[in-house]
Amino acid sequence: MLIDFDASRSIVKKGNGGYSLKPVIRAYITANTSSIIGTISPDDIATRIFTITPGGDTIATVSDTLQNNRFVLHGLGTGTYELKAQELETEEVKSLKTGITVVGGRDVNVGTIVLP
């Protein structure tokens, strides 16, 4: 079982300009879920890789430049996903691949994706 802390939904802006922490977590059994696995080219640019689940949750990671820019998005249920990338410096979001079919319990390797 894995527990995922959702930082983007857990930090809430208050009316007085301050912030409050209201932890949002997602738990899942790894044997019942799938992952999307791949690498990003060029292999020396760390990139935020993410997808949005059919339920509206964002599953994200940062590619690992120490392992050929490999990424893994864990905890995905059965469905069709779009893979997106966000440059860490500019925050620009680009679509990398659409129509990725995931069937529960089976990982999907999308191979090497060249950044647009």
Protein backbone atom coordinates (compact mmCIF):
# COMPACT_ATOMS: atom_id res chain seq x y z
CA MET A 1 0.00 0.00 0.00
CA LEU A 2 1.23 3.49 -0.82
CA ILE A 3 0.08 6.80 0.59
CA ASP A 4 0.47 9.91 -1.56
CA PHE A 5 0.42 13.41 -0.02
CA ASP A 6 -1.18 15.94 -2.40
CA ALA A 7 0.66 19.19 -1.62
CA SER A 8 -1.17 21.30 -4.21
CA ARG A 9 -4.56 20.53 -2.67
CA SER A 10 -3.34 20.54 0.94
CA ILE A 11 -2.13 24.15 1.14
CA VAL A 12 -5.16 26.42 1.32
CA LYS A 13 -5.07 30.23 1.09
CA LYS A 14 -7.03 31.92 3.88
CA GLY A 15 -9.08 35.09 3.57
CA ASN A 16 -6.57 37.08 5.64
CA GLY A 17 -3.75 36.39 3.16
CA GLY A 18 -2.21 33.57 5.19
CA TYR A 19 -2.13 29.88 4.42
CA SER A 20 -3.44 26.82 6.19
CA LEU A 21 -2.39 23.18 5.90
CA LYS A 22 -5.30 20.80 5.39
CA PRO A 23 -3.65 17.52 4.38
CA VAL A 24 -5.13 15.65 1.44
CA ILE A 25 -3.83 12.13 0.95
CA ARG A 26 -4.54 9.37 -1.52
CA ALA A 27 -3.96 5.75 -0.60
CA TYR A 28 -3.86 2.86 -3.01
CA ILE A 29 -2.84 -0.78 -3.18
CA THR A 30 -0.01 -1.10 -5.69
CA ALA A 31 -1.12 -4.54 -6.94
CA ASN A 32 -4.48 -3.06 -8.05
CA THR A 33 -3.11 -0.01 -9.87
CA SER A 34 -0.89 0.72 -12.84
CA SER A 35 1.99 3.03 -13.69
CA ILE A 36 3.02 4.96 -16.78
CA ILE A 37 6.78 4.63 -17.26
CA GLY A 38 9.11 6.31 -19.74
CA THR A 39 12.09 8.54 -20.35
CA ILE A 40 12.40 12.13 -21.54
CA SER A 41 14.83 13.32 -24.20
CA PRO A 42 17.07 15.25 -23.91
CA ASP A 43 18.20 13.36 -20.83
CA ASP A 44 19.78 16.32 -19.02
CA ILE A 45 16.67 18.48 -18.52
CA ALA A 46 14.60 17.62 -15.43
CA THR A 47 10.92 18.00 -16.29
CA ARG A 48 7.67 17.79 -14.30
CA ILE A 49 5.62 14.99 -15.89
CA PHE A 50 1.95 14.66 -14.99
CA THR A 51 -1.46 13.36 -15.89
CA ILE A 52 -4.94 14.01 -14.57
CA THR A 53 -7.01 11.02 -13.54
CA PRO A 54 -10.64 10.62 -14.64
CA GLY A 55 -11.52 11.60 -11.03
CA GLY A 56 -9.68 14.92 -11.37
CA ASP A 57 -6.55 14.11 -9.33
CA THR A 58 -3.19 15.22 -10.70
CA ILE A 59 -0.51 12.52 -10.57
CA ALA A 60 2.93 14.07 -11.05
CA THR A 61 6.65 13.41 -10.77
CA VAL A 62 9.91 15.01 -11.85
CA SER A 63 12.05 13.09 -14.34
CA ASP A 64 15.31 11.76 -12.90
CA THR A 65 18.31 13.07 -14.85
CA LEU A 66 20.57 10.67 -12.95
CA GLN A 67 18.68 7.71 -14.49
CA ASN A 68 18.48 8.75 -18.18
CA ASN A 69 15.61 11.17 -17.33
CA ARG A 70 13.31 8.29 -16.35
CA PHE A 71 9.86 8.95 -14.89
CA VAL A 72 7.15 6.82 -13.28
CA LEU A 73 3.57 7.91 -12.56
CA HIS A 74 2.19 5.52 -9.92
CA GLY A 75 -1.29 4.64 -8.70
CA LEU A 76 -3.31 4.90 -11.90
CA GLY A 77 -6.64 3.18 -12.34
CA THR A 78 -8.08 1.82 -15.56
CA GLY A 79 -8.68 4.59 -18.08
CA THR A 80 -7.25 6.67 -20.89
CA TYR A 81 -4.64 9.27 -19.98
CA GLU A 82 -2.87 12.26 -21.50
CA LEU A 83 0.75 12.76 -20.54
CA LYS A 84 1.84 16.37 -20.05
CA ALA A 85 5.14 18.09 -19.28
CA GLN A 86 5.85 21.30 -17.43
CA GLU A 87 9.21 23.01 -17.77
CA LEU A 88 10.55 23.72 -14.28
CA GLU A 89 11.99 27.14 -15.17
CA THR A 90 9.22 28.62 -17.34
CA GLU A 91 6.26 26.57 -15.99
CA GLU A 92 5.07 26.19 -19.59
CA VAL A 93 2.83 23.10 -20.01
CA LYS A 94 3.00 20.95 -23.14
CA SER A 95 1.08 17.85 -24.17
CA LEU A 96 3.45 14.92 -24.75
CA LYS A 97 1.20 11.99 -25.59
CA THR A 98 -2.54 11.39 -25.66
CA GLY A 99 -4.68 8.25 -25.66
CA ILE A 100 -2.53 6.20 -23.28
CA THR A 101 -4.72 3.24 -22.34
CA VAL A 102 -4.14 1.86 -18.86
CA VAL A 103 -5.71 -1.36 -17.62
CA GLY A 104 -5.65 -1.96 -13.85
CA GLY A 105 -2.63 -3.82 -12.58
CA ARG A 106 -0.56 -3.52 -15.78
CA ASP A 107 2.16 -0.91 -16.23
CA VAL A 108 2.48 0.95 -19.53
CA ASN A 109 5.92 1.83 -20.89
CA VAL A 110 5.67 4.76 -23.31
CA GLY A 111 9.38 4.57 -24.23
CA THR A 112 11.41 7.70 -24.90
CA ILE A 113 9.49 10.91 -25.49
CA VAL A 114 11.27 13.85 -27.11
CA LEU A 115 10.36 17.21 -25.58
CA PRO A 116 8.67 19.48 -28.13
